[in-house]
């Protein structure tokens, strides 16, 4: 948030950010209280948006996105290391349907998929198999355009969902979700903050 404040040249007033919910959970939520104490005169406005946003046209000071989802003409600063994927399901779902041992086993499971808002397509499920990246396209039992829906549906026993591991750490710690296929998961790009070059 401090980087966004510097970009917006704000010590008071409104600081507008566009943020995917997963970036909020990983980056902003842990430091929000400290930021508000340090800058009580700043009103922070966040728009949760999974799609690519023209921050200049929409009136935002900065945006947060995965490295592979940045718009042209923007300056980007890396905020996280690469992020590991997590395929997870509730213990109840796994007890009833079994635990997939290989990515191909997902074809026989109920899967909760994520629709990329900007591309308007269901996101690929990528795995590392025998040293190469492979795509598995299991049938979509449910599809959400927000990761909160994917995670909640998985917690409620509706199938196996994909997200970033750091996003589901709380659910894993409280045992409401369990990961599957850990030896096959891949890294995803880091989160970046981006803002206009000017």
C-alpha atoms as a PDB file:
ATOM      1  CA  UNK A   1       0.000   0.000   0.000  1.00  0.00           C
ATOM      2  CA  UNK A   2       2.912   2.318   0.765  1.00  0.00           C
ATOM      3  CA  UNK A   3       4.100   2.002  -2.853  1.00  0.00           C
ATOM      4  CA  UNK A   4       0.628   3.006  -4.041  1.00  0.00           C
ATOM      5  CA  UNK A   5       0.636   5.961  -1.650  1.00  0.00           C
ATOM      6  CA  UNK A   6       3.973   7.150  -3.055  1.00  0.00           C
ATOM      7  CA  UNK A   7       2.674   6.756  -6.627  1.00  0.00           C
ATOM      8  CA  UNK A   8      -0.464   8.697  -5.770  1.00  0.00           C
ATOM      9  CA  UNK A   9       1.644  11.315  -3.940  1.00  0.00           C
ATOM     10  CA  UNK A  10      -0.874  11.108  -1.132  1.00  0.00           C
ATOM     11  CA  UNK A  11      -0.506  12.160   2.502  1.00  0.00           C
ATOM     12  CA  UNK A  12      -4.207  12.854   2.738  1.00  0.00           C
ATOM     13  CA  UNK A  13      -7.281  12.495   0.593  1.00  0.00           C
ATOM     14  CA  UNK A  14      -8.387   9.516  -1.468  1.00  0.00           C
ATOM     15  CA  UNK A  15      -6.138   6.718  -2.734  1.00  0.00           C
ATOM     16  CA  UNK A  16      -7.947   4.501  -5.266  1.00  0.00           C
ATOM     17  CA  UNK A  17      -6.685   0.987  -6.008  1.00  0.00           C
ATOM     18  CA  UNK A  18      -7.938  -1.839  -8.189  1.00  0.00           C
ATOM     19  CA  UNK A  19      -7.099  -5.166  -6.599  1.00  0.00           C
ATOM     20  CA  UNK A  20      -7.924  -8.823  -7.167  1.00  0.00           C
ATOM     21  CA  UNK A  21      -9.277 -10.302  -3.962  1.00  0.00           C
ATOM     22  CA  UNK A  22      -6.348 -12.728  -3.751  1.00  0.00           C
ATOM     23  CA  UNK A  23      -3.871  -9.808  -3.810  1.00  0.00           C
ATOM     24  CA  UNK A  24      -5.875  -8.097  -1.089  1.00  0.00           C
ATOM     25  CA  UNK A  25      -5.689 -11.198   1.095  1.00  0.00           C
ATOM     26  CA  UNK A  26      -1.969 -11.831   0.509  1.00  0.00           C
ATOM     27  CA  UNK A  27      -0.560  -8.289   0.345  1.00  0.00           C
ATOM     28  CA  UNK A  28      -2.926  -5.647   1.681  1.00  0.00           C
ATOM     29  CA  UNK A  29      -4.883  -7.248   4.534  1.00  0.00           C
ATOM     30  CA  UNK A  30      -1.779  -8.075   6.607  1.00  0.00           C
ATOM     31  CA  UNK A  31      -0.553  -4.431   6.547  1.00  0.00           C
ATOM     32  CA  UNK A  32      -3.825  -2.501   6.381  1.00  0.00           C
ATOM     33  CA  UNK A  33      -4.029  -1.607  10.087  1.00  0.00           C
ATOM     34  CA  UNK A  34      -0.473  -0.283  10.129  1.00  0.00           C
ATOM     35  CA  UNK A  35      -1.076   1.765   6.990  1.00  0.00           C
ATOM     36  CA  UNK A  36      -4.242   3.300   8.426  1.00  0.00           C
ATOM     37  CA  UNK A  37      -2.412   4.232  11.638  1.00  0.00           C
ATOM     38  CA  UNK A  38       0.492   5.774   9.702  1.00  0.00           C
ATOM     39  CA  UNK A  39      -1.794   7.716   7.319  1.00  0.00           C
ATOM     40  CA  UNK A  40      -5.078   8.481   9.102  1.00  0.00           C
ATOM     41  CA  UNK A  41      -5.863  11.262   6.617  1.00  0.00           C
ATOM     42  CA  UNK A  42      -5.928   8.900   3.631  1.00  0.00           C
ATOM     43  CA  UNK A  43      -9.203   7.334   2.606  1.00  0.00           C
ATOM     44  CA  UNK A  44      -8.308   4.091   0.896  1.00  0.00           C
ATOM     45  CA  UNK A  45     -10.785   2.983  -1.784  1.00  0.00           C
ATOM     46  CA  UNK A  46     -10.326  -0.507  -3.193  1.00  0.00           C
ATOM     47  CA  UNK A  47     -12.208  -2.020  -6.078  1.00  0.00           C
ATOM     48  CA  UNK A  48     -12.024  -5.820  -6.084  1.00  0.00           C
ATOM     49  CA  UNK A  49     -11.668  -6.721  -9.731  1.00  0.00           C
ATOM     50  CA  UNK A  50     -10.226  -9.874 -11.260  1.00  0.00           C
ATOM     51  CA  UNK A  51     -10.096  -8.423 -14.781  1.00  0.00           C
ATOM     52  CA  UNK A  52      -7.601  -6.088 -16.411  1.00  0.00           C
ATOM     53  CA  UNK A  53      -8.522  -2.494 -15.704  1.00  0.00           C
ATOM     54  CA  UNK A  54      -7.460   0.672 -17.518  1.00  0.00           C
ATOM     55  CA  UNK A  55      -6.460   2.461 -14.336  1.00  0.00           C
ATOM     56  CA  UNK A  56      -6.071   5.850 -16.032  1.00  0.00           C
ATOM     57  CA  UNK A  57      -9.507   5.742 -17.667  1.00  0.00           C
ATOM     58  CA  UNK A  58     -11.151   4.360 -14.517  1.00  0.00           C
ATOM     59  CA  UNK A  59      -9.493   6.923 -12.225  1.00  0.00           C
ATOM     60  CA  UNK A  60      -7.309   4.611 -10.122  1.00  0.00           C
ATOM     61  CA  UNK A  61      -3.908   5.601  -8.779  1.00  0.00           C
ATOM     62  CA  UNK A  62      -2.552   2.045  -9.031  1.00  0.00           C
ATOM     63  CA  UNK A  63      -3.502  -1.574  -9.509  1.00  0.00           C
ATOM     64  CA  UNK A  64      -2.314  -4.952  -8.276  1.00  0.00           C
ATOM     65  CA  UNK A  65      -2.050  -7.893 -10.697  1.00  0.00           C
ATOM     66  CA  UNK A  66      -0.190 -11.111 -11.325  1.00  0.00           C
ATOM     67  CA  UNK A  67       2.907 -10.522 -13.436  1.00  0.00           C
ATOM     68  CA  UNK A  68       1.353 -12.078 -16.494  1.00  0.00           C
ATOM     69  CA  UNK A  69      -1.693  -9.826 -16.338  1.00  0.00           C
ATOM     70  CA  UNK A  70      -0.233  -6.315 -16.681  1.00  0.00           C
ATOM     71  CA  UNK A  71      -1.467  -3.775 -19.197  1.00  0.00           C
ATOM     72  CA  UNK A  72       0.857  -1.983 -21.651  1.00  0.00           C
ATOM     73  CA  UNK A  73       2.389   1.396 -20.804  1.00  0.00           C
ATOM     74  CA  UNK A  74       2.560   0.753 -17.076  1.00  0.00           C
ATOM     75  CA  UNK A  75       5.427   0.763 -14.603  1.00  0.00           C
ATOM     76  CA  UNK A  76       5.402  -2.381 -12.490  1.00  0.00           C
ATOM     77  CA  UNK A  77       7.054  -3.165  -9.163  1.00  0.00           C
ATOM     78  CA  UNK A  78       7.197  -6.735  -7.902  1.00  0.00           C
ATOM     79  CA  UNK A  79       5.535  -7.284  -4.518  1.00  0.00           C
ATOM     80  CA  UNK A  80       5.753 -11.043  -3.921  1.00  0.00           C
ATOM     81  CA  UNK A  81       7.888 -13.983  -4.944  1.00  0.00           C
ATOM     82  CA  UNK A  82       6.388 -16.400  -7.470  1.00  0.00           C
ATOM     83  CA  UNK A  83       3.269 -18.009  -6.009  1.00  0.00           C
ATOM     84  CA  UNK A  84       2.525 -21.712  -5.795  1.00  0.00           C
ATOM     85  CA  UNK A  85      -0.795 -23.063  -6.996  1.00  0.00           C
ATOM     86  CA  UNK A  86      -3.029 -25.156  -4.766  1.00  0.00           C
ATOM     87  CA  UNK A  87      -5.692 -27.637  -5.775  1.00  0.00           C
ATOM     88  CA  UNK A  88      -7.873 -28.251  -2.760  1.00  0.00           C
ATOM     89  CA  UNK A  89     -11.087 -29.840  -1.560  1.00  0.00           C
ATOM     90  CA  UNK A  90     -12.900 -30.388   1.712  1.00  0.00           C
ATOM     91  CA  UNK A  91     -12.041 -33.458   3.779  1.00  0.00           C
ATOM     92  CA  UNK A  92     -15.640 -34.616   3.302  1.00  0.00           C
ATOM     93  CA  UNK A  93     -15.427 -34.430  -0.475  1.00  0.00           C
ATOM     94  CA  UNK A  94     -12.152 -36.375  -0.502  1.00  0.00           C
ATOM     95  CA  UNK A  95     -13.533 -39.004   1.894  1.00  0.00           C
ATOM     96  CA  UNK A  96     -16.515 -39.556  -0.406  1.00  0.00           C
ATOM     97  CA  UNK A  97     -14.819 -39.304  -3.824  1.00  0.00           C
ATOM     98  CA  UNK A  98     -11.213 -40.230  -3.116  1.00  0.00           C
ATOM     99  CA  UNK A  99      -8.017 -38.273  -3.545  1.00  0.00           C
ATOM    100  CA  UNK A 100      -6.605 -37.878  -7.072  1.00  0.00           C
ATOM    101  CA  UNK A 101      -3.091 -39.284  -7.314  1.00  0.00           C
ATOM    102  CA  UNK A 102      -2.254 -37.917 -10.792  1.00  0.00           C
ATOM    103  CA  UNK A 103      -3.555 -34.826 -12.640  1.00  0.00           C
ATOM    104  CA  UNK A 104      -5.359 -37.070 -15.128  1.00  0.00           C
ATOM    105  CA  UNK A 105      -7.479 -38.400 -12.245  1.00  0.00           C
ATOM    106  CA  UNK A 106      -9.231 -35.016 -12.136  1.00  0.00           C
ATOM    107  CA  UNK A 107     -11.235 -36.053 -15.177  1.00  0.00           C
ATOM    108  CA  UNK A 108     -13.293 -38.276 -12.853  1.00  0.00           C
ATOM    109  CA  UNK A 109     -13.866 -35.571 -10.208  1.00  0.00           C
ATOM    110  CA  UNK A 110     -16.220 -32.654  -9.714  1.00  0.00           C
ATOM    111  CA  UNK A 111     -14.069 -29.605 -10.386  1.00  0.00           C
ATOM    112  CA  UNK A 112     -14.641 -25.980  -9.470  1.00  0.00           C
ATOM    113  CA  UNK A 113     -13.165 -23.773 -12.152  1.00  0.00           C
ATOM    114  CA  UNK A 114     -12.288 -20.095 -12.381  1.00  0.00           C
ATOM    115  CA  UNK A 115     -13.326 -17.944 -15.357  1.00  0.00           C
ATOM    116  CA  UNK A 116     -10.776 -15.284 -16.338  1.00  0.00           C
ATOM    117  CA  UNK A 117     -12.807 -12.092 -16.526  1.00  0.00           C
ATOM    118  CA  UNK A 118     -10.719 -10.249 -19.121  1.00  0.00           C
ATOM    119  CA  UNK A 119     -10.237 -13.245 -21.426  1.00  0.00           C
ATOM    120  CA  UNK A 120     -13.766 -14.551 -20.804  1.00  0.00           C
ATOM    121  CA  UNK A 121     -12.572 -18.139 -20.677  1.00  0.00           C
ATOM    122  CA  UNK A 122     -12.158 -20.805 -18.057  1.00  0.00           C
ATOM    123  CA  UNK A 123      -8.584 -20.776 -16.724  1.00  0.00           C
ATOM    124  CA  UNK A 124      -6.299 -23.654 -17.630  1.00  0.00           C
ATOM    125  CA  UNK A 125      -5.298 -26.128 -14.957  1.00  0.00           C
ATOM    126  CA  UNK A 126      -1.545 -26.520 -15.371  1.00  0.00           C
ATOM    127  CA  UNK A 127       0.662 -29.185 -13.832  1.00  0.00           C
ATOM    128  CA  UNK A 128       4.300 -30.242 -13.980  1.00  0.00           C
ATOM    129  CA  UNK A 129       4.441 -33.854 -15.186  1.00  0.00           C
ATOM    130  CA  UNK A 130       7.737 -35.545 -16.062  1.00  0.00           C
ATOM    131  CA  UNK A 131       9.517 -32.194 -16.241  1.00  0.00           C
ATOM    132  CA  UNK A 132       7.082 -30.471 -18.580  1.00  0.00           C
ATOM    133  CA  UNK A 133       4.009 -28.324 -18.104  1.00  0.00           C
ATOM    134  CA  UNK A 134       0.779 -30.047 -19.105  1.00  0.00           C
ATOM    135  CA  UNK A 135      -2.791 -28.786 -19.217  1.00  0.00           C
ATOM    136  CA  UNK A 136      -5.604 -30.844 -17.764  1.00  0.00           C
ATOM    137  CA  UNK A 137      -9.120 -29.757 -18.692  1.00  0.00           C
ATOM    138  CA  UNK A 138     -11.447 -31.485 -16.228  1.00  0.00           C
ATOM    139  CA  UNK A 139     -15.190 -30.989 -16.553  1.00  0.00           C
ATOM    140  CA  UNK A 140     -16.366 -27.859 -14.762  1.00  0.00           C
ATOM    141  CA  UNK A 141     -19.004 -28.752 -12.181  1.00  0.00           C
ATOM    142  CA  UNK A 142     -19.087 -25.106 -11.038  1.00  0.00           C
ATOM    143  CA  UNK A 143     -17.480 -21.985 -12.526  1.00  0.00           C
ATOM    144  CA  UNK A 144     -16.869 -18.670 -10.739  1.00  0.00           C
ATOM    145  CA  UNK A 145     -15.289 -15.408 -11.897  1.00  0.00           C
ATOM    146  CA  UNK A 146     -14.078 -14.700  -8.359  1.00  0.00           C
ATOM    147  CA  UNK A 147     -11.719 -16.862  -6.310  1.00  0.00           C
ATOM    148  CA  UNK A 148     -13.828 -16.359  -3.194  1.00  0.00           C
ATOM    149  CA  UNK A 149     -16.546 -18.427  -4.872  1.00  0.00           C
ATOM    150  CA  UNK A 150     -14.089 -21.169  -5.845  1.00  0.00           C
ATOM    151  CA  UNK A 151     -12.736 -21.420  -2.302  1.00  0.00           C
ATOM    152  CA  UNK A 152     -16.141 -21.304  -0.615  1.00  0.00           C
ATOM    153  CA  UNK A 153     -17.548 -23.990  -2.924  1.00  0.00           C
ATOM    154  CA  UNK A 154     -14.538 -26.225  -2.240  1.00  0.00           C
ATOM    155  CA  UNK A 155     -14.927 -25.684   1.522  1.00  0.00           C
ATOM    156  CA  UNK A 156     -18.586 -26.674   1.227  1.00  0.00           C
ATOM    157  CA  UNK A 157     -17.721 -29.997  -0.395  1.00  0.00           C
ATOM    158  CA  UNK A 158     -18.717 -29.244  -3.995  1.00  0.00           C
ATOM    159  CA  UNK A 159     -15.471 -30.469  -5.553  1.00  0.00           C
ATOM    160  CA  UNK A 160     -11.809 -29.664  -6.136  1.00  0.00           C
ATOM    161  CA  UNK A 161     -10.895 -26.038  -6.770  1.00  0.00           C
ATOM    162  CA  UNK A 162      -7.785 -24.164  -7.866  1.00  0.00           C
ATOM    163  CA  UNK A 163      -6.327 -21.077  -6.210  1.00  0.00           C
ATOM    164  CA  UNK A 164      -3.024 -19.724  -4.993  1.00  0.00           C
ATOM    165  CA  UNK A 165      -1.695 -21.606  -1.969  1.00  0.00           C
ATOM    166  CA  UNK A 166      -1.156 -18.432   0.091  1.00  0.00           C
ATOM    167  CA  UNK A 167      -4.819 -17.544  -0.427  1.00  0.00           C
ATOM    168  CA  UNK A 168      -6.035 -20.792   1.189  1.00  0.00           C
ATOM    169  CA  UNK A 169      -3.472 -21.013   4.013  1.00  0.00           C
ATOM    170  CA  UNK A 170      -6.109 -20.236   6.662  1.00  0.00           C
ATOM    171  CA  UNK A 171      -8.444 -22.944   5.342  1.00  0.00           C
ATOM    172  CA  UNK A 172      -5.570 -25.438   5.250  1.00  0.00           C
ATOM    173  CA  UNK A 173      -4.553 -24.554   8.830  1.00  0.00           C
ATOM    174  CA  UNK A 174      -8.099 -25.024  10.123  1.00  0.00           C
ATOM    175  CA  UNK A 175      -8.473 -28.259   8.113  1.00  0.00           C
ATOM    176  CA  UNK A 176     -11.527 -27.070   6.187  1.00  0.00           C
ATOM    177  CA  UNK A 177      -9.537 -27.700   2.983  1.00  0.00           C
ATOM    178  CA  UNK A 178      -6.862 -30.225   2.058  1.00  0.00           C
ATOM    179  CA  UNK A 179      -4.553 -29.920  -0.918  1.00  0.00           C
ATOM    180  CA  UNK A 180      -4.224 -32.599  -3.566  1.00  0.00           C
ATOM    181  CA  UNK A 181      -1.621 -33.232  -6.268  1.00  0.00           C
ATOM    182  CA  UNK A 182       1.065 -31.182  -4.481  1.00  0.00           C
ATOM    183  CA  UNK A 183       3.965 -32.883  -6.332  1.00  0.00           C
ATOM    184  CA  UNK A 184       2.530 -31.633  -9.635  1.00  0.00           C
ATOM    185  CA  UNK A 185       1.667 -27.989  -8.876  1.00  0.00           C
ATOM    186  CA  UNK A 186       3.452 -25.169 -10.669  1.00  0.00           C
ATOM    187  CA  UNK A 187       4.570 -21.685  -9.729  1.00  0.00           C
ATOM    188  CA  UNK A 188       2.608 -18.703 -10.938  1.00  0.00           C
ATOM    189  CA  UNK A 189       3.990 -15.208 -11.536  1.00  0.00           C
ATOM    190  CA  UNK A 190       4.384 -12.823  -8.605  1.00  0.00           C
ATOM    191  CA  UNK A 191       1.989 -10.019  -7.809  1.00  0.00           C
ATOM    192  CA  UNK A 192       3.009  -6.579  -9.015  1.00  0.00           C
ATOM    193  CA  UNK A 193       1.732  -3.104  -8.330  1.00  0.00           C
ATOM    194  CA  UNK A 194       1.359  -1.161 -11.565  1.00  0.00           C
ATOM    195  CA  UNK A 195       0.770   2.490 -12.321  1.00  0.00           C
ATOM    196  CA  UNK A 196       1.109   4.903 -15.261  1.00  0.00           C
ATOM    197  CA  UNK A 197       4.628   5.777 -16.443  1.00  0.00           C
ATOM    198  CA  UNK A 198       4.069   9.510 -15.971  1.00  0.00           C
END
